[in-house]
């Protein structure tokens, strides 16, 4: 979680574990995505549940060297 906090420029709060819930939750979600256990769409859905912006998630994935899921770049013709 420290690495995610560093990428987001967030200081982790050490005094109470529940204060870092969103950060811990997104750290686990990003790890699940990295292991191909969830899709990019699911990752973004989870991020929205804890008020993380999808652009922030994309930036974190980029900094971690994790490629975007193919479905993220699919365009359907009108």
PDB file of N, CA and C in Angstrom:
ATOM      1  N   UNK A   1       0.809  -1.175   0.000  1.00  0.00           N
ATOM      2  CA  UNK A   1       0.000   0.000   0.000  1.00  0.00           C
ATOM      3  C   UNK A   1       0.863   1.254   0.000  1.00  0.00           C
ATOM      4  N   UNK A   2       2.037   1.146   0.555  1.00  0.00           N
ATOM      5  CA  UNK A   2       2.928   2.306   0.571  1.00  0.00           C
ATOM      6  C   UNK A   2       3.289   2.735  -0.842  1.00  0.00           C
ATOM      7  N   UNK A   3       3.477   1.766  -1.738  1.00  0.00           N
ATOM      8  CA  UNK A   3       3.822   2.098  -3.121  1.00  0.00           C
ATOM      9  C   UNK A   3       2.660   2.822  -3.793  1.00  0.00           C
ATOM     10  N   UNK A   4       1.434   2.365  -3.594  1.00  0.00           N
ATOM     11  CA  UNK A   4       0.266   3.027  -4.166  1.00  0.00           C
ATOM     12  C   UNK A   4       0.132   4.433  -3.595  1.00  0.00           C
ATOM     13  N   UNK A   5       0.299   4.577  -2.304  1.00  0.00           N
ATOM     14  CA  UNK A   5       0.221   5.895  -1.673  1.00  0.00           C
ATOM     15  C   UNK A   5       1.286   6.829  -2.251  1.00  0.00           C
ATOM     16  N   UNK A   6       2.471   6.303  -2.469  1.00  0.00           N
ATOM     17  CA  UNK A   6       3.547   7.109  -3.037  1.00  0.00           C
ATOM     18  C   UNK A   6       3.182   7.576  -4.447  1.00  0.00           C
ATOM     19  N   UNK A   7       2.622   6.687  -5.272  1.00  0.00           N
ATOM     20  CA  UNK A   7       2.228   7.048  -6.632  1.00  0.00           C
ATOM     21  C   UNK A   7       1.101   8.075  -6.644  1.00  0.00           C
ATOM     22  N   UNK A   8       0.254   8.033  -5.643  1.00  0.00           N
ATOM     23  CA  UNK A   8      -0.865   8.972  -5.563  1.00  0.00           C
ATOM     24  C   UNK A   8      -0.510  10.228  -4.778  1.00  0.00           C
ATOM     25  N   UNK A   9       0.713  10.302  -4.295  1.00  0.00           N
ATOM     26  CA  UNK A   9       1.158  11.418  -3.467  1.00  0.00           C
ATOM     27  C   UNK A   9       0.261  11.592  -2.238  1.00  0.00           C
ATOM     28  N   UNK A  10      -0.059  10.460  -1.600  1.00  0.00           N
ATOM     29  CA  UNK A  10      -0.893  10.457  -0.401  1.00  0.00           C
ATOM     30  C   UNK A  10      -0.046   9.953   0.760  1.00  0.00           C
ATOM     31  N   UNK A  11      -0.158  10.627   1.889  1.00  0.00           N
ATOM     32  CA  UNK A  11       0.543  10.152   3.081  1.00  0.00           C
ATOM     33  C   UNK A  11      -0.331   9.127   3.780  1.00  0.00           C
ATOM     34  N   UNK A  12       0.228   7.944   4.023  1.00  0.00           N
ATOM     35  CA  UNK A  12      -0.520   6.914   4.750  1.00  0.00           C
ATOM     36  C   UNK A  12      -0.660   7.326   6.210  1.00  0.00           C
ATOM     37  N   UNK A  13      -1.841   7.079   6.755  1.00  0.00           N
ATOM     38  CA  UNK A  13      -2.095   7.349   8.167  1.00  0.00           C
ATOM     39  C   UNK A  13      -1.839   6.071   8.941  1.00  0.00           C
ATOM     40  N   UNK A  14      -0.941   6.118   9.885  1.00  0.00           N
ATOM     41  CA  UNK A  14      -0.542   4.917  10.625  1.00  0.00           C
ATOM     42  C   UNK A  14      -1.329   4.728  11.927  1.00  0.00           C
ATOM     43  N   UNK A  15      -2.030   5.768  12.385  1.00  0.00           N
ATOM     44  CA  UNK A  15      -2.639   5.656  13.708  1.00  0.00           C
ATOM     45  C   UNK A  15      -3.866   4.736  13.753  1.00  0.00           C
ATOM     46  N   UNK A  16      -4.598   4.593  12.671  1.00  0.00           N
ATOM     47  CA  UNK A  16      -5.800   3.761  12.690  1.00  0.00           C
ATOM     48  C   UNK A  16      -5.956   3.079  11.337  1.00  0.00           C
ATOM     49  N   UNK A  17      -6.055   1.745  11.297  1.00  0.00           N
ATOM     50  CA  UNK A  17      -6.076   1.030  10.017  1.00  0.00           C
ATOM     51  C   UNK A  17      -7.278   1.353   9.133  1.00  0.00           C
ATOM     52  N   UNK A  18      -8.417   1.732   9.716  1.00  0.00           N
ATOM     53  CA  UNK A  18      -9.596   2.019   8.906  1.00  0.00           C
ATOM     54  C   UNK A  18      -9.488   3.338   8.145  1.00  0.00           C
ATOM     55  N   UNK A  19      -8.589   4.187   8.534  1.00  0.00           N
ATOM     56  CA  UNK A  19      -8.420   5.463   7.838  1.00  0.00           C
ATOM     57  C   UNK A  19      -7.866   5.249   6.426  1.00  0.00           C
ATOM     58  N   UNK A  20      -7.188   4.150   6.208  1.00  0.00           N
ATOM     59  CA  UNK A  20      -6.601   3.860   4.899  1.00  0.00           C
ATOM     60  C   UNK A  20      -7.434   2.870   4.101  1.00  0.00           C
ATOM     61  N   UNK A  21      -8.719   2.720   4.441  1.00  0.00           N
ATOM     62  CA  UNK A  21      -9.533   1.709   3.790  1.00  0.00           C
ATOM     63  C   UNK A  21      -9.518   1.847   2.265  1.00  0.00           C
ATOM     64  N   UNK A  22      -9.804   3.035   1.745  1.00  0.00           N
ATOM     65  CA  UNK A  22      -9.875   3.221   0.289  1.00  0.00           C
ATOM     66  C   UNK A  22      -8.534   2.908  -0.360  1.00  0.00           C
ATOM     67  N   UNK A  23      -7.459   3.342   0.253  1.00  0.00           N
ATOM     68  CA  UNK A  23      -6.128   3.084  -0.281  1.00  0.00           C
ATOM     69  C   UNK A  23      -5.816   1.590  -0.263  1.00  0.00           C
ATOM     70  N   UNK A  24      -6.109   0.918   0.837  1.00  0.00           N
ATOM     71  CA  UNK A  24      -5.884  -0.528   0.925  1.00  0.00           C
ATOM     72  C   UNK A  24      -6.765  -1.282  -0.069  1.00  0.00           C
ATOM     73  N   UNK A  25      -8.021  -0.883  -0.166  1.00  0.00           N
ATOM     74  CA  UNK A  25      -8.966  -1.508  -1.082  1.00  0.00           C
ATOM     75  C   UNK A  25      -8.472  -1.399  -2.523  1.00  0.00           C
ATOM     76  N   UNK A  26      -8.045  -0.199  -2.921  1.00  0.00           N
ATOM     77  CA  UNK A  26      -7.574  -0.010  -4.298  1.00  0.00           C
ATOM     78  C   UNK A  26      -6.250  -0.719  -4.533  1.00  0.00           C
ATOM     79  N   UNK A  27      -5.429  -0.817  -3.523  1.00  0.00           N
ATOM     80  CA  UNK A  27      -4.185  -1.581  -3.663  1.00  0.00           C
ATOM     81  C   UNK A  27      -4.476  -3.041  -3.979  1.00  0.00           C
ATOM     82  N   UNK A  28      -5.464  -3.603  -3.279  1.00  0.00           N
ATOM     83  CA  UNK A  28      -5.843  -4.997  -3.544  1.00  0.00           C
ATOM     84  C   UNK A  28      -6.514  -5.139  -4.903  1.00  0.00           C
ATOM     85  N   UNK A  29      -7.329  -4.167  -5.290  1.00  0.00           N
ATOM     86  CA  UNK A  29      -8.002  -4.223  -6.593  1.00  0.00           C
ATOM     87  C   UNK A  29      -6.984  -4.138  -7.730  1.00  0.00           C
ATOM     88  N   UNK A  30      -6.010  -3.265  -7.597  1.00  0.00           N
ATOM     89  CA  UNK A  30      -4.965  -3.143  -8.630  1.00  0.00           C
ATOM     90  C   UNK A  30      -4.153  -4.425  -8.715  1.00  0.00           C
ATOM     91  N   UNK A  31      -3.862  -5.031  -7.579  1.00  0.00           N
ATOM     92  CA  UNK A  31      -3.130  -6.302  -7.589  1.00  0.00           C
ATOM     93  C   UNK A  31      -3.960  -7.395  -8.263  1.00  0.00           C
ATOM     94  N   UNK A  32      -5.261  -7.429  -7.995  1.00  0.00           N
ATOM     95  CA  UNK A  32      -6.138  -8.411  -8.651  1.00  0.00           C
ATOM     96  C   UNK A  32      -6.149  -8.174 -10.159  1.00  0.00           C
ATOM     97  N   UNK A  33      -6.175  -6.918 -10.574  1.00  0.00           N
ATOM     98  CA  UNK A  33      -6.136  -6.594 -12.004  1.00  0.00           C
ATOM     99  C   UNK A  33      -4.803  -7.036 -12.613  1.00  0.00           C
ATOM    100  N   UNK A  34      -3.723  -6.749 -11.906  1.00  0.00           N
ATOM    101  CA  UNK A  34      -2.386  -7.119 -12.386  1.00  0.00           C
ATOM    102  C   UNK A  34      -2.275  -8.624 -12.585  1.00  0.00           C
ATOM    103  N   UNK A  35      -2.950  -9.392 -11.736  1.00  0.00           N
ATOM    104  CA  UNK A  35      -2.915 -10.857 -11.833  1.00  0.00           C
ATOM    105  C   UNK A  35      -3.987 -11.415 -12.785  1.00  0.00           C
ATOM    106  N   UNK A  36      -4.671 -10.536 -13.493  1.00  0.00           N
ATOM    107  CA  UNK A  36      -5.741 -10.925 -14.428  1.00  0.00           C
ATOM    108  C   UNK A  36      -6.894 -11.630 -13.736  1.00  0.00           C
ATOM    109  N   UNK A  37      -7.149 -11.272 -12.498  1.00  0.00           N
ATOM    110  CA  UNK A  37      -8.272 -11.850 -11.769  1.00  0.00           C
ATOM    111  C   UNK A  37      -9.536 -11.017 -11.931  1.00  0.00           C
ATOM    112  N   UNK A  38      -9.386  -9.746 -12.308  1.00  0.00           N
ATOM    113  CA  UNK A  38     -10.526  -8.890 -12.615  1.00  0.00           C
ATOM    114  C   UNK A  38     -10.205  -8.111 -13.886  1.00  0.00           C
ATOM    115  N   UNK A  39     -11.245  -7.631 -14.552  1.00  0.00           N
ATOM    116  CA  UNK A  39     -11.069  -6.849 -15.778  1.00  0.00           C
ATOM    117  C   UNK A  39     -10.818  -5.379 -15.439  1.00  0.00           C
ATOM    118  N   UNK A  40     -10.400  -4.645 -16.464  1.00  0.00           N
ATOM    119  CA  UNK A  40     -10.226  -3.199 -16.302  1.00  0.00           C
ATOM    120  C   UNK A  40     -11.557  -2.557 -15.920  1.00  0.00           C
ATOM    121  N   UNK A  41     -12.619  -2.999 -16.562  1.00  0.00           N
ATOM    122  CA  UNK A  41     -13.948  -2.451 -16.275  1.00  0.00           C
ATOM    123  C   UNK A  41     -14.306  -2.655 -14.804  1.00  0.00           C
ATOM    124  N   UNK A  42     -14.019  -3.826 -14.269  1.00  0.00           N
ATOM    125  CA  UNK A  42     -14.296  -4.120 -12.851  1.00  0.00           C
ATOM    126  C   UNK A  42     -13.416  -3.251 -11.958  1.00  0.00           C
ATOM    127  N   UNK A  43     -12.158  -3.065 -12.335  1.00  0.00           N
ATOM    128  CA  UNK A  43     -11.242  -2.215 -11.572  1.00  0.00           C
ATOM    129  C   UNK A  43     -11.797  -0.798 -11.469  1.00  0.00           C
ATOM    130  N   UNK A  44     -12.269  -0.258 -12.582  1.00  0.00           N
ATOM    131  CA  UNK A  44     -12.823   1.096 -12.587  1.00  0.00           C
ATOM    132  C   UNK A  44     -14.107   1.151 -11.759  1.00  0.00           C
ATOM    133  N   UNK A  45     -14.927   0.121 -11.862  1.00  0.00           N
ATOM    134  CA  UNK A  45     -16.145   0.057 -11.050  1.00  0.00           C
ATOM    135  C   UNK A  45     -15.790   0.100  -9.556  1.00  0.00           C
ATOM    136  N   UNK A  46     -14.814  -0.696  -9.157  1.00  0.00           N
ATOM    137  CA  UNK A  46     -14.401  -0.719  -7.754  1.00  0.00           C
ATOM    138  C   UNK A  46     -13.831   0.631  -7.324  1.00  0.00           C
ATOM    139  N   UNK A  47     -13.069   1.259  -8.209  1.00  0.00           N
ATOM    140  CA  UNK A  47     -12.496   2.574  -7.903  1.00  0.00           C
ATOM    141  C   UNK A  47     -13.598   3.599  -7.636  1.00  0.00           C
ATOM    142  N   UNK A  48     -14.647   3.548  -8.435  1.00  0.00           N
ATOM    143  CA  UNK A  48     -15.762   4.491  -8.246  1.00  0.00           C
ATOM    144  C   UNK A  48     -16.460   4.273  -6.912  1.00  0.00           C
ATOM    145  N   UNK A  49     -16.472   3.037  -6.428  1.00  0.00           N
ATOM    146  CA  UNK A  49     -17.133   2.735  -5.156  1.00  0.00           C
ATOM    147  C   UNK A  49     -16.446   3.418  -3.980  1.00  0.00           C
ATOM    148  N   UNK A  50     -15.137   3.678  -4.111  1.00  0.00           N
ATOM    149  CA  UNK A  50     -14.401   4.337  -3.028  1.00  0.00           C
ATOM    150  C   UNK A  50     -13.910   5.723  -3.454  1.00  0.00           C
ATOM    151  N   UNK A  51     -14.577   6.275  -4.471  1.00  0.00           N
ATOM    152  CA  UNK A  51     -14.346   7.659  -4.916  1.00  0.00           C
ATOM    153  C   UNK A  51     -12.954   7.913  -5.495  1.00  0.00           C
ATOM    154  N   UNK A  52     -12.386   6.913  -6.194  1.00  0.00           N
ATOM    155  CA  UNK A  52     -11.135   7.108  -6.927  1.00  0.00           C
ATOM    156  C   UNK A  52     -11.493   7.406  -8.372  1.00  0.00           C
ATOM    157  N   UNK A  53     -10.886   8.416  -8.945  1.00  0.00           N
ATOM    158  CA  UNK A  53     -11.117   8.801 -10.333  1.00  0.00           C
ATOM    159  C   UNK A  53     -10.419   7.806 -11.265  1.00  0.00           C
ATOM    160  N   UNK A  54     -11.064   7.453 -12.380  1.00  0.00           N
ATOM    161  CA  UNK A  54     -10.472   6.498 -13.321  1.00  0.00           C
ATOM    162  C   UNK A  54      -9.166   7.019 -13.908  1.00  0.00           C
ATOM    163  N   UNK A  55      -9.033   8.340 -14.046  1.00  0.00           N
ATOM    164  CA  UNK A  55      -7.775   8.905 -14.553  1.00  0.00           C
ATOM    165  C   UNK A  55      -6.638   8.655 -13.570  1.00  0.00           C
ATOM    166  N   UNK A  56      -6.946   8.692 -12.288  1.00  0.00           N
ATOM    167  CA  UNK A  56      -5.940   8.405 -11.259  1.00  0.00           C
ATOM    168  C   UNK A  56      -5.509   6.941 -11.370  1.00  0.00           C
ATOM    169  N   UNK A  57      -6.483   6.048 -11.564  1.00  0.00           N
ATOM    170  CA  UNK A  57      -6.168   4.627 -11.704  1.00  0.00           C
ATOM    171  C   UNK A  57      -5.303   4.405 -12.930  1.00  0.00           C
ATOM    172  N   UNK A  58      -5.641   5.048 -14.048  1.00  0.00           N
ATOM    173  CA  UNK A  58      -4.828   4.914 -15.265  1.00  0.00           C
ATOM    174  C   UNK A  58      -3.397   5.388 -15.029  1.00  0.00           C
ATOM    175  N   UNK A  59      -3.252   6.484 -14.300  1.00  0.00           N
ATOM    176  CA  UNK A  59      -1.917   7.011 -13.999  1.00  0.00           C
ATOM    177  C   UNK A  59      -1.133   6.030 -13.127  1.00  0.00           C
ATOM    178  N   UNK A  60      -1.794   5.467 -12.120  1.00  0.00           N
ATOM    179  CA  UNK A  60      -1.134   4.486 -11.249  1.00  0.00           C
ATOM    180  C   UNK A  60      -0.710   3.266 -12.058  1.00  0.00           C
ATOM    181  N   UNK A  61      -1.608   2.762 -12.909  1.00  0.00           N
ATOM    182  CA  UNK A  61      -1.271   1.602 -13.744  1.00  0.00           C
ATOM    183  C   UNK A  61      -0.080   1.910 -14.638  1.00  0.00           C
ATOM    184  N   UNK A  62      -0.067   3.101 -15.199  1.00  0.00           N
ATOM    185  CA  UNK A  62       1.040   3.499 -16.062  1.00  0.00           C
ATOM    186  C   UNK A  62       2.357   3.554 -15.286  1.00  0.00           C
ATOM    187  N   UNK A  63       2.324   4.163 -14.112  1.00  0.00           N
ATOM    188  CA  UNK A  63       3.533   4.267 -13.295  1.00  0.00           C
ATOM    189  C   UNK A  63       4.029   2.906 -12.809  1.00  0.00           C
ATOM    190  N   UNK A  64       3.079   1.980 -12.609  1.00  0.00           N
ATOM    191  CA  UNK A  64       3.459   0.635 -12.163  1.00  0.00           C
ATOM    192  C   UNK A  64       3.882  -0.251 -13.339  1.00  0.00           C
ATOM    193  N   UNK A  65       3.699   0.244 -14.560  1.00  0.00           N
ATOM    194  CA  UNK A  65       4.079  -0.538 -15.734  1.00  0.00           C
ATOM    195  C   UNK A  65       3.081  -1.622 -16.074  1.00  0.00           C
ATOM    196  N   UNK A  66       1.836  -1.442 -15.629  1.00  0.00           N
ATOM    197  CA  UNK A  66       0.787  -2.416 -15.912  1.00  0.00           C
ATOM    198  C   UNK A  66       0.027  -1.940 -17.142  1.00  0.00           C
ATOM    199  N   UNK A  67      -0.067  -2.815 -18.139  1.00  0.00           N
ATOM    200  CA  UNK A  67      -0.759  -2.450 -19.373  1.00  0.00           C
ATOM    201  C   UNK A  67      -2.261  -2.383 -19.144  1.00  0.00           C
ATOM    202  N   UNK A  68      -2.916  -1.475 -19.867  1.00  0.00           N
ATOM    203  CA  UNK A  68      -4.376  -1.413 -19.823  1.00  0.00           C
ATOM    204  C   UNK A  68      -4.963  -2.646 -20.472  1.00  0.00           C
ATOM    205  N   UNK A  69      -6.088  -3.073 -19.964  1.00  0.00           N
ATOM    206  CA  UNK A  69      -6.835  -4.201 -20.531  1.00  0.00           C
ATOM    207  C   UNK A  69      -7.296  -3.837 -21.936  1.00  0.00           C
ATOM    208  N   UNK A  70      -7.339  -4.802 -22.837  1.00  0.00           N
ATOM    209  CA  UNK A  70      -7.719  -4.560 -24.228  1.00  0.00           C
ATOM    210  C   UNK A  70      -9.112  -3.956 -24.336  1.00  0.00           C
ATOM    211  N   UNK A  71     -10.033  -4.329 -23.439  1.00  0.00           N
ATOM    212  CA  UNK A  71     -11.392  -3.811 -23.535  1.00  0.00           C
ATOM    213  C   UNK A  71     -11.443  -2.308 -23.297  1.00  0.00           C
ATOM    214  N   UNK A  72     -10.444  -1.778 -22.644  1.00  0.00           N
ATOM    215  CA  UNK A  72     -10.390  -0.340 -22.385  1.00  0.00           C
ATOM    216  C   UNK A  72     -10.231   0.435 -23.684  1.00  0.00           C
ATOM    217  N   UNK A  73      -9.593  -0.144 -24.685  1.00  0.00           N
ATOM    218  CA  UNK A  73      -9.306   0.550 -25.932  1.00  0.00           C
ATOM    219  C   UNK A  73     -10.184   0.098 -27.098  1.00  0.00           C
ATOM    220  N   UNK A  74     -11.287  -0.542 -26.832  1.00  0.00           N
ATOM    221  CA  UNK A  74     -12.169  -1.010 -27.889  1.00  0.00           C
ATOM    222  C   UNK A  74     -13.193   0.080 -28.205  1.00  0.00           C
ATOM    223  N   UNK A  75     -13.333   0.371 -29.481  1.00  0.00           N
ATOM    224  CA  UNK A  75     -14.310   1.365 -29.924  1.00  0.00           C
ATOM    225  C   UNK A  75     -15.325   0.695 -30.838  1.00  0.00           C
ATOM    226  N   UNK A  76     -16.594   0.944 -30.573  1.00  0.00           N
ATOM    227  CA  UNK A  76     -17.659   0.361 -31.360  1.00  0.00           C
ATOM    228  C   UNK A  76     -18.126   1.431 -32.347  1.00  0.00           C
ATOM    229  N   UNK A  77     -18.216   1.073 -33.652  1.00  0.00           N
ATOM    230  CA  UNK A  77     -18.678   2.081 -34.634  1.00  0.00           C
ATOM    231  C   UNK A  77     -20.129   2.489 -34.374  1.00  0.00           C
ATOM    232  N   UNK A  78     -20.442   3.708 -34.721  1.00  0.00           N
ATOM    233  CA  UNK A  78     -21.817   4.217 -34.526  1.00  0.00           C
ATOM    234  C   UNK A  78     -22.719   3.744 -35.634  1.00  0.00           C
TER     235      UNK A  78
END
